[in-house]
Amino acid sequence: MTATTSRLSRIAGAGLLAGALALSGCSTSTETAGTAAGSSSPTADASVDRQHNAADVTFAQDMIVHHQAAVEMADLAASRAQSQGVKDLAVRIGAAQAPEIDEMTSWLDAWGEMTSADSMPGMDHSPMSGMMTDELMTQLEGASGADFDRMFLQMMTPHHQGAIDMAEVEQSDGSNPQAIALARSIETSQTAEISEMQQLLQAL
């Protein structure tokens, strides 16, 4: 297993743990700001709205994992892609999703819902919609030029659709206004990027 796929395995394990904790350890009712603040880290970001429910926790934990995988894929484009359009898209994906990972991490810290990938064994399958398997990631790592461009677009499109599906659930079931706003933004931006990827694929 490559270093990248090993990281993706740990990421997938964290995603499963996140879902389990959200189902078993979180109340389905909206928590008050005081309750959530009482369980948060002393260093938690004071700007984070502490109100949250189980759907918010699941969204943040799972979307972090999902975004990390997208950033892993996007990082490969700089040295492997041939199409400038694919390279530019990959840069934008990384630039947008890395800060969102930091934002969602700050929420989990403030909510007292931080988890560690090290607490779950490595997994070689993908628990969330659109997630890359180790096998597919290995194939992408081994590709270059037009082959990489095609594979990247074909793999990133369902990955984005998976994120959109998760964002729609958060908008319907979540209670934290910051999480709902990010979910809405993700749905809008990644829907537009799917259209862009379809156009790039047709041009190859």
N, C-alpha and C. Protein backbone atom coordinates (compact mmCIF):
# COMPACT_ATOMS: atom_id res chain seq x y z
N MET A 1 0.85 -1.20 0.00
CA MET A 1 0.00 0.00 0.00
C MET A 1 0.88 1.24 0.00
N THR A 2 0.58 2.22 -0.83
CA THR A 2 1.36 3.44 -0.90
C THR A 2 1.08 4.31 0.31
N ALA A 3 1.96 5.35 0.47
CA ALA A 3 1.76 6.26 1.60
C ALA A 3 0.43 6.97 1.46
N THR A 4 0.07 7.33 0.21
CA THR A 4 -1.20 8.06 0.01
C THR A 4 -2.37 7.18 0.33
N THR A 5 -2.36 5.94 -0.15
CA THR A 5 -3.51 5.07 0.12
C THR A 5 -3.59 4.69 1.58
N SER A 6 -2.42 4.59 2.23
CA SER A 6 -2.45 4.33 3.67
C SER A 6 -3.14 5.47 4.40
N ARG A 7 -2.84 6.70 3.97
CA ARG A 7 -3.51 7.85 4.59
C ARG A 7 -5.00 7.82 4.33
N LEU A 8 -5.39 7.45 3.12
CA LEU A 8 -6.81 7.37 2.80
C LEU A 8 -7.50 6.29 3.62
N SER A 9 -6.78 5.20 3.91
CA SER A 9 -7.35 4.15 4.74
C SER A 9 -7.63 4.67 6.14
N ARG A 10 -6.67 5.41 6.68
CA ARG A 10 -6.88 5.97 8.01
C ARG A 10 -8.01 6.98 8.00
N ILE A 11 -8.10 7.76 6.91
CA ILE A 11 -9.19 8.73 6.76
C ILE A 11 -10.53 8.02 6.76
N ALA A 12 -10.63 6.90 6.00
CA ALA A 12 -11.89 6.16 5.94
C ALA A 12 -12.27 5.62 7.30
N GLY A 13 -11.27 5.13 8.06
CA GLY A 13 -11.55 4.63 9.39
C GLY A 13 -12.09 5.71 10.30
N ALA A 14 -11.53 6.91 10.16
CA ALA A 14 -12.02 8.03 10.96
C ALA A 14 -13.45 8.35 10.61
N GLY A 15 -13.80 8.22 9.34
CA GLY A 15 -15.17 8.50 8.93
C GLY A 15 -16.16 7.54 9.55
N LEU A 16 -15.79 6.26 9.62
CA LEU A 16 -16.68 5.28 10.24
C LEU A 16 -16.85 5.56 11.73
N LEU A 17 -15.74 5.91 12.38
CA LEU A 17 -15.82 6.24 13.80
C LEU A 17 -16.70 7.46 14.01
N ALA A 18 -16.56 8.45 13.12
CA ALA A 18 -17.36 9.66 13.24
C ALA A 18 -18.84 9.33 13.19
N GLY A 19 -19.23 8.49 12.24
CA GLY A 19 -20.64 8.13 12.13
C GLY A 19 -21.13 7.39 13.34
N ALA A 20 -20.29 6.48 13.84
CA ALA A 20 -20.71 5.70 15.01
C ALA A 20 -20.90 6.59 16.22
N LEU A 21 -19.96 7.53 16.42
CA LEU A 21 -20.08 8.42 17.58
C LEU A 21 -21.30 9.32 17.45
N ALA A 22 -21.56 9.77 16.22
CA ALA A 22 -22.71 10.66 16.03
C ALA A 22 -24.00 9.94 16.33
N LEU A 23 -24.10 8.64 16.02
CA LEU A 23 -25.32 7.89 16.25
C LEU A 23 -25.47 7.47 17.70
N SER A 24 -24.34 7.10 18.32
CA SER A 24 -24.44 6.53 19.66
C SER A 24 -24.20 7.53 20.78
N GLY A 25 -23.38 8.58 20.52
CA GLY A 25 -22.98 9.43 21.62
C GLY A 25 -23.57 10.81 21.62
N CYS A 26 -24.37 11.15 20.61
CA CYS A 26 -24.89 12.51 20.51
C CYS A 26 -26.40 12.49 20.62
N SER A 27 -26.93 13.47 21.30
CA SER A 27 -28.38 13.61 21.38
C SER A 27 -28.92 14.05 20.05
N THR A 28 -30.11 13.57 19.69
CA THR A 28 -30.72 13.99 18.44
C THR A 28 -31.42 15.33 18.59
N SER A 29 -31.52 15.82 19.79
CA SER A 29 -32.13 17.12 20.00
C SER A 29 -31.05 18.19 19.98
N THR A 30 -31.44 19.40 19.66
CA THR A 30 -30.50 20.50 19.60
C THR A 30 -29.98 20.82 20.99
N GLU A 31 -28.64 20.94 21.09
CA GLU A 31 -28.03 21.25 22.38
C GLU A 31 -28.04 22.74 22.58
N THR A 32 -28.11 23.16 23.82
CA THR A 32 -28.05 24.57 24.12
C THR A 32 -26.61 25.04 24.03
N ALA A 33 -26.43 26.33 23.85
CA ALA A 33 -25.08 26.88 23.78
C ALA A 33 -24.31 26.58 25.05
N GLY A 34 -24.96 26.69 26.20
CA GLY A 34 -24.27 26.45 27.45
C GLY A 34 -23.81 25.02 27.60
N THR A 35 -24.66 24.06 27.19
CA THR A 35 -24.30 22.66 27.31
C THR A 35 -23.11 22.33 26.43
N ALA A 36 -23.16 22.79 25.16
CA ALA A 36 -22.08 22.49 24.24
C ALA A 36 -20.80 23.16 24.69
N ALA A 37 -20.90 24.39 25.16
CA ALA A 37 -19.71 25.10 25.59
C ALA A 37 -19.06 24.40 26.76
N GLY A 38 -19.86 23.80 27.62
CA GLY A 38 -19.31 23.14 28.80
C GLY A 38 -18.47 21.93 28.46
N SER A 39 -18.72 21.30 27.29
CA SER A 39 -17.97 20.11 26.92
C SER A 39 -16.85 20.41 25.95
N SER A 40 -16.65 21.68 25.60
CA SER A 40 -15.66 22.02 24.58
C SER A 40 -14.28 22.20 25.19
N SER A 41 -13.29 22.20 24.30
CA SER A 41 -11.92 22.41 24.71
C SER A 41 -11.74 23.84 25.21
N PRO A 42 -10.84 24.07 26.19
CA PRO A 42 -10.59 25.43 26.66
C PRO A 42 -10.06 26.33 25.55
N THR A 43 -9.45 25.71 24.51
CA THR A 43 -8.87 26.50 23.43
C THR A 43 -9.81 26.62 22.23
N ALA A 44 -11.05 26.16 22.38
CA ALA A 44 -12.00 26.17 21.26
C ALA A 44 -12.23 27.60 20.79
N ASP A 45 -12.46 27.76 19.49
CA ASP A 45 -12.67 29.05 18.87
C ASP A 45 -13.94 29.69 19.44
N ALA A 46 -13.78 30.88 20.00
CA ALA A 46 -14.93 31.55 20.62
C ALA A 46 -15.96 32.00 19.59
N SER A 47 -15.57 32.05 18.31
CA SER A 47 -16.49 32.50 17.27
C SER A 47 -17.42 31.40 16.79
N VAL A 48 -17.20 30.18 17.25
CA VAL A 48 -18.01 29.04 16.82
C VAL A 48 -19.33 29.03 17.58
N ASP A 49 -20.41 28.89 16.84
CA ASP A 49 -21.73 28.74 17.45
C ASP A 49 -21.81 27.34 18.06
N ARG A 50 -22.00 27.26 19.39
CA ARG A 50 -21.99 25.96 20.08
C ARG A 50 -23.25 25.14 19.85
N GLN A 51 -24.31 25.76 19.38
CA GLN A 51 -25.55 25.01 19.14
C GLN A 51 -25.30 23.96 18.05
N HIS A 52 -25.62 22.72 18.35
CA HIS A 52 -25.44 21.67 17.34
C HIS A 52 -26.25 20.44 17.73
N ASN A 53 -26.49 19.58 16.73
CA ASN A 53 -27.13 18.31 17.00
C ASN A 53 -26.32 17.20 16.34
N ALA A 54 -26.83 15.99 16.38
CA ALA A 54 -26.09 14.84 15.85
C ALA A 54 -25.81 14.98 14.36
N ALA A 55 -26.75 15.56 13.62
CA ALA A 55 -26.55 15.73 12.18
C ALA A 55 -25.40 16.68 11.90
N ASP A 56 -25.26 17.73 12.70
CA ASP A 56 -24.15 18.66 12.53
C ASP A 56 -22.81 17.97 12.77
N VAL A 57 -22.75 17.17 13.79
CA VAL A 57 -21.51 16.45 14.12
C VAL A 57 -21.15 15.48 13.00
N THR A 58 -22.13 14.71 12.55
CA THR A 58 -21.88 13.76 11.46
C THR A 58 -21.42 14.48 10.21
N PHE A 59 -22.08 15.59 9.89
CA PHE A 59 -21.70 16.37 8.71
C PHE A 59 -20.25 16.84 8.80
N ALA A 60 -19.87 17.44 9.91
CA ALA A 60 -18.51 17.96 10.05
C ALA A 60 -17.48 16.85 10.01
N GLN A 61 -17.71 15.79 10.80
CA GLN A 61 -16.74 14.71 10.85
C GLN A 61 -16.59 14.02 9.49
N ASP A 62 -17.71 13.73 8.84
CA ASP A 62 -17.65 13.03 7.56
C ASP A 62 -17.14 13.93 6.44
N MET A 63 -17.53 15.20 6.45
CA MET A 63 -17.10 16.08 5.37
C MET A 63 -15.61 16.38 5.46
N ILE A 64 -15.05 16.40 6.66
CA ILE A 64 -13.60 16.54 6.81
C ILE A 64 -12.90 15.40 6.09
N VAL A 65 -13.36 14.19 6.35
CA VAL A 65 -12.79 13.00 5.72
C VAL A 65 -12.93 13.08 4.20
N HIS A 66 -14.11 13.48 3.77
CA HIS A 66 -14.40 13.58 2.33
C HIS A 66 -13.50 14.63 1.68
N HIS A 67 -13.37 15.79 2.32
CA HIS A 67 -12.52 16.85 1.79
C HIS A 67 -11.05 16.43 1.76
N GLN A 68 -10.59 15.74 2.80
CA GLN A 68 -9.20 15.31 2.83
C GLN A 68 -8.88 14.42 1.63
N ALA A 69 -9.81 13.55 1.28
CA ALA A 69 -9.60 12.69 0.12
C ALA A 69 -9.55 13.50 -1.17
N ALA A 70 -10.41 14.51 -1.29
CA ALA A 70 -10.42 15.36 -2.48
C ALA A 70 -9.11 16.13 -2.60
N VAL A 71 -8.60 16.62 -1.48
CA VAL A 71 -7.32 17.35 -1.49
C VAL A 71 -6.18 16.41 -1.90
N GLU A 72 -6.21 15.17 -1.42
CA GLU A 72 -5.21 14.18 -1.82
C GLU A 72 -5.23 14.00 -3.34
N MET A 73 -6.42 13.88 -3.91
CA MET A 73 -6.55 13.71 -5.35
C MET A 73 -6.07 14.95 -6.09
N ALA A 74 -6.47 16.12 -5.61
CA ALA A 74 -6.11 17.38 -6.28
C ALA A 74 -4.60 17.61 -6.26
N ASP A 75 -3.94 17.20 -5.20
CA ASP A 75 -2.50 17.40 -5.09
C ASP A 75 -1.73 16.66 -6.19
N LEU A 76 -2.31 15.57 -6.68
CA LEU A 76 -1.64 14.78 -7.71
C LEU A 76 -1.59 15.51 -9.06
N ALA A 77 -2.53 16.41 -9.29
CA ALA A 77 -2.67 17.03 -10.60
C ALA A 77 -1.48 17.88 -11.01
N ALA A 78 -0.84 18.51 -10.06
CA ALA A 78 0.26 19.42 -10.39
C ALA A 78 1.36 18.73 -11.20
N SER A 79 1.68 17.50 -10.84
CA SER A 79 2.77 16.79 -11.51
C SER A 79 2.30 15.76 -12.54
N ARG A 80 0.99 15.49 -12.60
CA ARG A 80 0.51 14.42 -13.47
C ARG A 80 -0.44 14.88 -14.57
N ALA A 81 -1.16 15.96 -14.35
CA ALA A 81 -2.16 16.40 -15.32
C ALA A 81 -1.50 17.02 -16.55
N GLN A 82 -2.16 16.87 -17.67
CA GLN A 82 -1.72 17.49 -18.92
C GLN A 82 -2.56 18.72 -19.23
N SER A 83 -3.86 18.64 -18.98
CA SER A 83 -4.78 19.74 -19.27
C SER A 83 -4.60 20.87 -18.26
N GLN A 84 -4.43 22.09 -18.77
CA GLN A 84 -4.32 23.24 -17.88
C GLN A 84 -5.63 23.45 -17.14
N GLY A 85 -6.74 23.12 -17.79
CA GLY A 85 -8.04 23.24 -17.14
C GLY A 85 -8.15 22.34 -15.93
N VAL A 86 -7.64 21.11 -16.05
CA VAL A 86 -7.66 20.17 -14.93
C VAL A 86 -6.74 20.67 -13.82
N LYS A 87 -5.56 21.17 -14.19
CA LYS A 87 -4.63 21.69 -13.19
C LYS A 87 -5.25 22.86 -12.42
N ASP A 88 -5.87 23.77 -13.17
CA ASP A 88 -6.48 24.94 -12.52
C ASP A 88 -7.63 24.52 -11.60
N LEU A 89 -8.44 23.57 -12.04
CA LEU A 89 -9.54 23.09 -11.22
C LEU A 89 -9.01 22.45 -9.94
N ALA A 90 -7.97 21.64 -10.06
CA ALA A 90 -7.40 20.96 -8.90
C ALA A 90 -6.87 21.97 -7.88
N VAL A 91 -6.24 23.04 -8.37
CA VAL A 91 -5.74 24.08 -7.46
C VAL A 91 -6.90 24.73 -6.72
N ARG A 92 -7.99 25.00 -7.43
CA ARG A 92 -9.15 25.63 -6.79
C ARG A 92 -9.82 24.70 -5.78
N ILE A 93 -9.85 23.41 -6.10
CA ILE A 93 -10.43 22.45 -5.16
C ILE A 93 -9.63 22.44 -3.86
N GLY A 94 -8.30 22.37 -3.97
CA GLY A 94 -7.47 22.37 -2.77
C GLY A 94 -7.58 23.67 -2.00
N ALA A 95 -7.61 24.80 -2.71
CA ALA A 95 -7.67 26.11 -2.06
C ALA A 95 -8.99 26.32 -1.34
N ALA A 96 -10.06 25.72 -1.85
CA ALA A 96 -11.38 25.88 -1.21
C ALA A 96 -11.57 24.92 -0.06
N GLN A 97 -11.16 23.67 -0.25
CA GLN A 97 -11.51 22.64 0.72
C GLN A 97 -10.56 22.58 1.92
N ALA A 98 -9.30 22.95 1.76
CA ALA A 98 -8.39 22.94 2.91
C ALA A 98 -8.85 23.89 4.01
N PRO A 99 -9.23 25.14 3.69
CA PRO A 99 -9.75 26.02 4.75
C PRO A 99 -11.06 25.51 5.35
N GLU A 100 -11.88 24.86 4.54
CA GLU A 100 -13.13 24.30 5.08
C GLU A 100 -12.84 23.17 6.06
N ILE A 101 -11.79 22.40 5.81
CA ILE A 101 -11.38 21.38 6.78
C ILE A 101 -11.02 22.04 8.11
N ASP A 102 -10.25 23.12 8.04
CA ASP A 102 -9.87 23.84 9.27
C ASP A 102 -11.09 24.39 9.98
N GLU A 103 -12.03 24.93 9.22
CA GLU A 103 -13.24 25.50 9.83
C GLU A 103 -14.05 24.42 10.55
N MET A 104 -14.27 23.29 9.88
CA MET A 104 -15.05 22.23 10.49
C MET A 104 -14.33 21.61 11.69
N THR A 105 -13.01 21.56 11.62
CA THR A 105 -12.23 21.07 12.77
C THR A 105 -12.42 21.98 13.98
N SER A 106 -12.48 23.29 13.73
CA SER A 106 -12.70 24.23 14.84
C SER A 106 -14.07 24.04 15.45
N TRP A 107 -15.07 23.68 14.64
CA TRP A 107 -16.40 23.40 15.18
C TRP A 107 -16.35 22.20 16.11
N LEU A 108 -15.75 21.12 15.63
CA LEU A 108 -15.70 19.89 16.43
C LEU A 108 -14.94 20.12 17.73
N ASP A 109 -13.90 20.93 17.67
CA ASP A 109 -13.14 21.25 18.88
C ASP A 109 -14.03 21.99 19.87
N ALA A 110 -14.76 22.99 19.37
CA ALA A 110 -15.64 23.78 20.23
C ALA A 110 -16.79 22.95 20.78
N TRP A 111 -17.26 21.98 20.00
CA TRP A 111 -18.37 21.14 20.42
C TRP A 111 -17.93 19.97 21.30
N GLY A 112 -16.63 19.76 21.44
CA GLY A 112 -16.14 18.61 22.20
C GLY A 112 -16.35 17.31 21.47
N GLU A 113 -16.27 17.34 20.13
CA GLU A 113 -16.56 16.15 19.32
C GLU A 113 -15.35 15.73 18.46
N MET A 114 -14.16 16.10 18.89
CA MET A 114 -12.97 15.73 18.13
C MET A 114 -12.74 14.22 18.22
N THR A 115 -12.33 13.61 17.10
CA THR A 115 -11.96 12.20 17.06
C THR A 115 -10.61 12.07 16.41
N SER A 116 -9.99 10.90 16.56
CA SER A 116 -8.67 10.66 15.98
C SER A 116 -8.70 9.48 15.05
N ALA A 117 -8.07 9.64 13.87
CA ALA A 117 -8.00 8.53 12.92
C ALA A 117 -7.21 7.37 13.50
N ASP A 118 -6.32 7.68 14.44
CA ASP A 118 -5.50 6.63 15.03
C ASP A 118 -6.29 5.69 15.93
N SER A 119 -7.52 6.08 16.29
CA SER A 119 -8.31 5.24 17.20
C SER A 119 -9.05 4.14 16.47
N MET A 120 -8.98 4.13 15.14
CA MET A 120 -9.61 3.07 14.36
C MET A 120 -8.55 2.40 13.49
N PRO A 121 -8.64 1.09 13.27
CA PRO A 121 -7.68 0.43 12.39
C PRO A 121 -7.87 0.88 10.96
N GLY A 122 -6.83 0.71 10.13
CA GLY A 122 -6.91 1.08 8.73
C GLY A 122 -8.00 0.29 8.02
N MET A 123 -8.70 0.93 7.11
CA MET A 123 -9.77 0.30 6.35
C MET A 123 -9.42 0.40 4.88
N ASP A 124 -9.78 -0.60 4.09
CA ASP A 124 -9.49 -0.55 2.67
C ASP A 124 -10.75 -0.40 1.83
N HIS A 125 -11.78 0.16 2.42
CA HIS A 125 -12.98 0.44 1.66
C HIS A 125 -13.49 1.81 2.02
N SER A 126 -14.46 2.32 1.27
CA SER A 126 -14.92 3.69 1.43
C SER A 126 -16.33 3.73 2.00
N PRO A 127 -16.50 4.32 3.19
CA PRO A 127 -17.80 4.29 3.85
C PRO A 127 -18.76 5.37 3.40
N MET A 128 -18.27 6.37 2.66
CA MET A 128 -19.13 7.48 2.28
C MET A 128 -19.29 7.58 0.78
N SER A 129 -20.40 8.16 0.37
CA SER A 129 -20.72 8.28 -1.05
C SER A 129 -19.63 9.01 -1.81
N GLY A 130 -19.16 8.41 -2.91
CA GLY A 130 -18.17 9.04 -3.77
C GLY A 130 -16.74 8.92 -3.31
N MET A 131 -16.50 8.33 -2.14
CA MET A 131 -15.13 8.22 -1.63
C MET A 131 -14.29 7.29 -2.50
N MET A 132 -13.03 7.67 -2.69
CA MET A 132 -12.09 6.86 -3.46
C MET A 132 -11.68 5.62 -2.67
N THR A 133 -11.62 4.48 -3.35
CA THR A 133 -11.04 3.28 -2.74
C THR A 133 -9.53 3.34 -2.89
N ASP A 134 -8.83 2.53 -2.12
CA ASP A 134 -7.38 2.46 -2.24
C ASP A 134 -6.98 2.04 -3.66
N GLU A 135 -7.73 1.10 -4.23
CA GLU A 135 -7.41 0.61 -5.57
C GLU A 135 -7.51 1.73 -6.61
N LEU A 136 -8.58 2.52 -6.53
CA LEU A 136 -8.75 3.62 -7.48
C LEU A 136 -7.69 4.70 -7.27
N MET A 137 -7.34 4.96 -6.02
CA MET A 137 -6.32 5.96 -5.75
C MET A 137 -4.98 5.52 -6.31
N THR A 138 -4.68 4.24 -6.20
CA THR A 138 -3.44 3.70 -6.75
C THR A 138 -3.42 3.87 -8.27
N GLN A 139 -4.56 3.63 -8.91
CA GLN A 139 -4.65 3.81 -10.36
C GLN A 139 -4.43 5.27 -10.74
N LEU A 140 -5.00 6.18 -9.97
CA LEU A 140 -4.84 7.60 -10.27
C LEU A 140 -3.39 8.03 -10.07
N GLU A 141 -2.76 7.52 -9.02
CA GLU A 141 -1.35 7.85 -8.77
C GLU A 141 -0.45 7.37 -9.91
N GLY A 142 -0.82 6.28 -10.53
CA GLY A 142 0.01 5.71 -11.59
C GLY A 142 -0.24 6.29 -12.96
N ALA A 143 -1.24 7.16 -13.09
CA ALA A 143 -1.58 7.74 -14.39
C ALA A 143 -0.88 9.08 -14.59
N SER A 144 -0.79 9.48 -15.86
CA SER A 144 -0.22 10.79 -16.19
C SER A 144 -0.78 11.25 -17.53
N GLY A 145 -0.59 12.53 -17.83
CA GLY A 145 -1.04 13.07 -19.10
C GLY A 145 -2.54 13.01 -19.27
N ALA A 146 -2.97 12.73 -20.50
CA ALA A 146 -4.39 12.69 -20.81
C ALA A 146 -5.12 11.59 -20.04
N ASP A 147 -4.44 10.49 -19.77
CA ASP A 147 -5.05 9.41 -18.98
C ASP A 147 -5.37 9.89 -17.58
N PHE A 148 -4.44 10.63 -16.97
CA PHE A 148 -4.70 11.18 -15.64
C PHE A 148 -5.87 12.14 -15.69
N ASP A 149 -5.87 13.03 -16.68
CA ASP A 149 -6.95 14.02 -16.78
C ASP A 149 -8.31 13.33 -16.81
N ARG A 150 -8.42 12.31 -17.63
CA ARG A 150 -9.69 11.60 -17.78
C ARG A 150 -10.08 10.91 -16.47
N MET A 151 -9.13 10.21 -15.87
CA MET A 151 -9.43 9.50 -14.62
C MET A 151 -9.78 10.47 -13.51
N PHE A 152 -9.04 11.57 -13.42
CA PHE A 152 -9.29 12.55 -12.37
C PHE A 152 -10.71 13.09 -12.47
N LEU A 153 -11.11 13.47 -13.68
CA LEU A 153 -12.45 14.03 -13.87
C LEU A 153 -13.53 12.99 -13.62
N GLN A 154 -13.29 11.76 -14.07
CA GLN A 154 -14.29 10.70 -13.89
C GLN A 154 -14.42 10.30 -12.42
N MET A 155 -13.34 10.43 -11.64
CA MET A 155 -13.38 10.06 -10.23
C MET A 155 -13.83 11.22 -9.34
N MET A 156 -13.43 12.44 -9.71
CA MET A 156 -13.80 13.58 -8.87
C MET A 156 -15.28 13.94 -9.01
N THR A 157 -15.87 13.64 -10.16
CA THR A 157 -17.28 13.97 -10.34
C THR A 157 -18.18 13.24 -9.34
N PRO A 158 -18.10 11.90 -9.20
CA PRO A 158 -18.93 11.25 -8.18
C PRO A 158 -18.51 11.61 -6.76
N HIS A 159 -17.23 11.94 -6.59
CA HIS A 159 -16.78 12.39 -5.27
C HIS A 159 -17.50 13.68 -4.89
N HIS A 160 -17.57 14.61 -5.82
CA HIS A 160 -18.30 15.85 -5.58
C HIS A 160 -19.78 15.57 -5.33
N GLN A 161 -20.36 14.66 -6.09
CA GLN A 161 -21.78 14.35 -5.91
C GLN A 161 -22.03 13.80 -4.51
N GLY A 162 -21.09 13.01 -4.01
CA GLY A 162 -21.20 12.50 -2.64
C GLY A 162 -21.23 13.62 -1.63
N ALA A 163 -20.37 14.63 -1.84
CA ALA A 163 -20.35 15.78 -0.93
C ALA A 163 -21.66 16.56 -1.00
N ILE A 164 -22.21 16.68 -2.20
CA ILE A 164 -23.49 17.38 -2.36
C ILE A 164 -24.60 16.64 -1.62
N ASP A 165 -24.60 15.32 -1.72
CA ASP A 165 -25.60 14.52 -1.00
C ASP A 165 -25.50 14.75 0.51
N MET A 166 -24.27 14.76 1.03
CA MET A 166 -24.06 15.00 2.45
C MET A 166 -24.51 16.40 2.84
N ALA A 167 -24.24 17.38 1.97
CA ALA A 167 -24.62 18.77 2.25
C ALA A 167 -26.13 18.92 2.28
N GLU A 168 -26.82 18.20 1.43
CA GLU A 168 -28.29 18.27 1.40
C GLU A 168 -28.88 17.71 2.69
N VAL A 169 -28.29 16.64 3.21
CA VAL A 169 -28.76 16.06 4.47
C VAL A 169 -28.56 17.06 5.61
N GLU A 170 -27.40 17.72 5.62
CA GLU A 170 -27.14 18.70 6.67
C GLU A 170 -28.14 19.84 6.62
N GLN A 171 -28.47 20.30 5.44
CA GLN A 171 -29.41 21.41 5.32
C GLN A 171 -30.81 21.04 5.79
N SER A 172 -31.16 19.77 5.67
CA SER A 172 -32.50 19.35 6.10
C SER A 172 -32.52 18.93 7.57
N ASP A 173 -31.41 18.38 8.07
CA ASP A 173 -31.42 17.79 9.42
C ASP A 173 -30.59 18.55 10.45
N GLY A 174 -29.66 19.38 10.02
CA GLY A 174 -28.77 20.07 10.95
C GLY A 174 -29.44 21.21 11.68
N SER A 175 -28.79 21.71 12.74
CA SER A 175 -29.32 22.83 13.51
C SER A 175 -28.33 23.98 13.63
N ASN A 176 -27.03 23.71 13.41
CA ASN A 176 -26.03 24.75 13.57
C ASN A 176 -26.02 25.66 12.34
N PRO A 177 -26.23 26.96 12.53
CA PRO A 177 -26.32 27.87 11.37
C PRO A 177 -25.04 27.93 10.54
N GLN A 178 -23.88 27.81 11.19
CA GLN A 178 -22.62 27.85 10.45
C GLN A 178 -22.47 26.60 9.60
N ALA A 179 -22.83 25.45 10.15
CA ALA A 179 -22.73 24.20 9.40
C ALA A 179 -23.71 24.19 8.22
N ILE A 180 -24.91 24.68 8.46
CA ILE A 180 -25.92 24.72 7.39
C ILE A 180 -25.46 25.66 6.28
N ALA A 181 -24.87 26.80 6.66
CA ALA A 181 -24.38 27.75 5.66
C ALA A 181 -23.26 27.15 4.82
N LEU A 182 -22.35 26.43 5.47
CA LEU A 182 -21.26 25.78 4.72
C LEU A 182 -21.82 24.70 3.81
N ALA A 183 -22.78 23.94 4.29
CA ALA A 183 -23.40 22.90 3.47
C ALA A 183 -24.02 23.51 2.22
N ARG A 184 -24.69 24.63 2.38
CA ARG A 184 -25.30 25.31 1.23
C ARG A 184 -24.23 25.77 0.24
N SER A 185 -23.12 26.30 0.78
CA SER A 185 -22.02 26.75 -0.07
C SER A 185 -21.38 25.59 -0.82
N ILE A 186 -21.19 24.46 -0.13
CA ILE A 186 -20.61 23.28 -0.76
C ILE A 186 -21.50 22.78 -1.88
N GLU A 187 -22.79 22.74 -1.62
CA GLU A 187 -23.72 22.28 -2.66
C GLU A 187 -23.63 23.17 -3.91
N THR A 188 -23.59 24.48 -3.69
CA THR A 188 -23.54 25.42 -4.82
C THR A 188 -22.23 25.31 -5.59
N SER A 189 -21.11 25.35 -4.87
CA SER A 189 -19.80 25.36 -5.53
C SER A 189 -19.50 24.04 -6.22
N GLN A 190 -19.83 22.93 -5.57
CA GLN A 190 -19.47 21.65 -6.16
C GLN A 190 -20.43 21.25 -7.28
N THR A 191 -21.65 21.74 -7.26
CA THR A 191 -22.55 21.54 -8.39
C THR A 191 -21.98 22.24 -9.63
N ALA A 192 -21.47 23.46 -9.43
CA ALA A 192 -20.86 24.21 -10.53
C ALA A 192 -19.60 23.50 -11.04
N GLU A 193 -18.82 22.95 -10.11
CA GLU A 193 -17.59 22.26 -10.52
C GLU A 193 -17.89 20.96 -11.26
N ILE A 194 -18.97 20.30 -10.92
CA ILE A 194 -19.37 19.10 -11.68
C ILE A 194 -19.66 19.47 -13.13
N SER A 195 -20.36 20.57 -13.34
CA SER A 195 -20.63 21.03 -14.70
C SER A 195 -19.33 21.35 -15.43
N GLU A 196 -18.41 21.97 -14.72
CA GLU A 196 -17.10 22.29 -15.30
C GLU A 196 -16.34 21.03 -15.68
N MET A 197 -16.39 20.03 -14.80
CA MET A 197 -15.68 18.77 -15.07
C MET A 197 -16.29 18.04 -16.26
N GLN A 198 -17.58 18.10 -16.40
CA GLN A 198 -18.23 17.47 -17.54
C GLN A 198 -17.79 18.12 -18.84
N GLN A 199 -17.63 19.44 -18.82
CA GLN A 199 -17.17 20.15 -20.00
C GLN A 199 -15.72 19.83 -20.31
N LEU A 200 -14.90 19.75 -19.29
CA LEU A 200 -13.48 19.41 -19.48
C LEU A 200 -13.35 17.99 -20.03
N LEU A 201 -14.18 17.09 -19.53
CA LEU A 201 -14.13 15.70 -19.99
C LEU A 201 -14.51 15.61 -21.47
N GLN A 202 -15.49 16.36 -21.87
CA GLN A 202 -15.92 16.34 -23.27
C GLN A 202 -14.84 16.91 -24.19
N ALA A 203 -14.01 17.79 -23.64
CA ALA A 203 -12.97 18.43 -24.46
C ALA A 203 -11.71 17.59 -24.61
N LEU A 204 -11.59 16.53 -23.82
CA LEU A 204 -10.37 15.70 -23.89
C LEU A 204 -10.33 14.90 -25.19
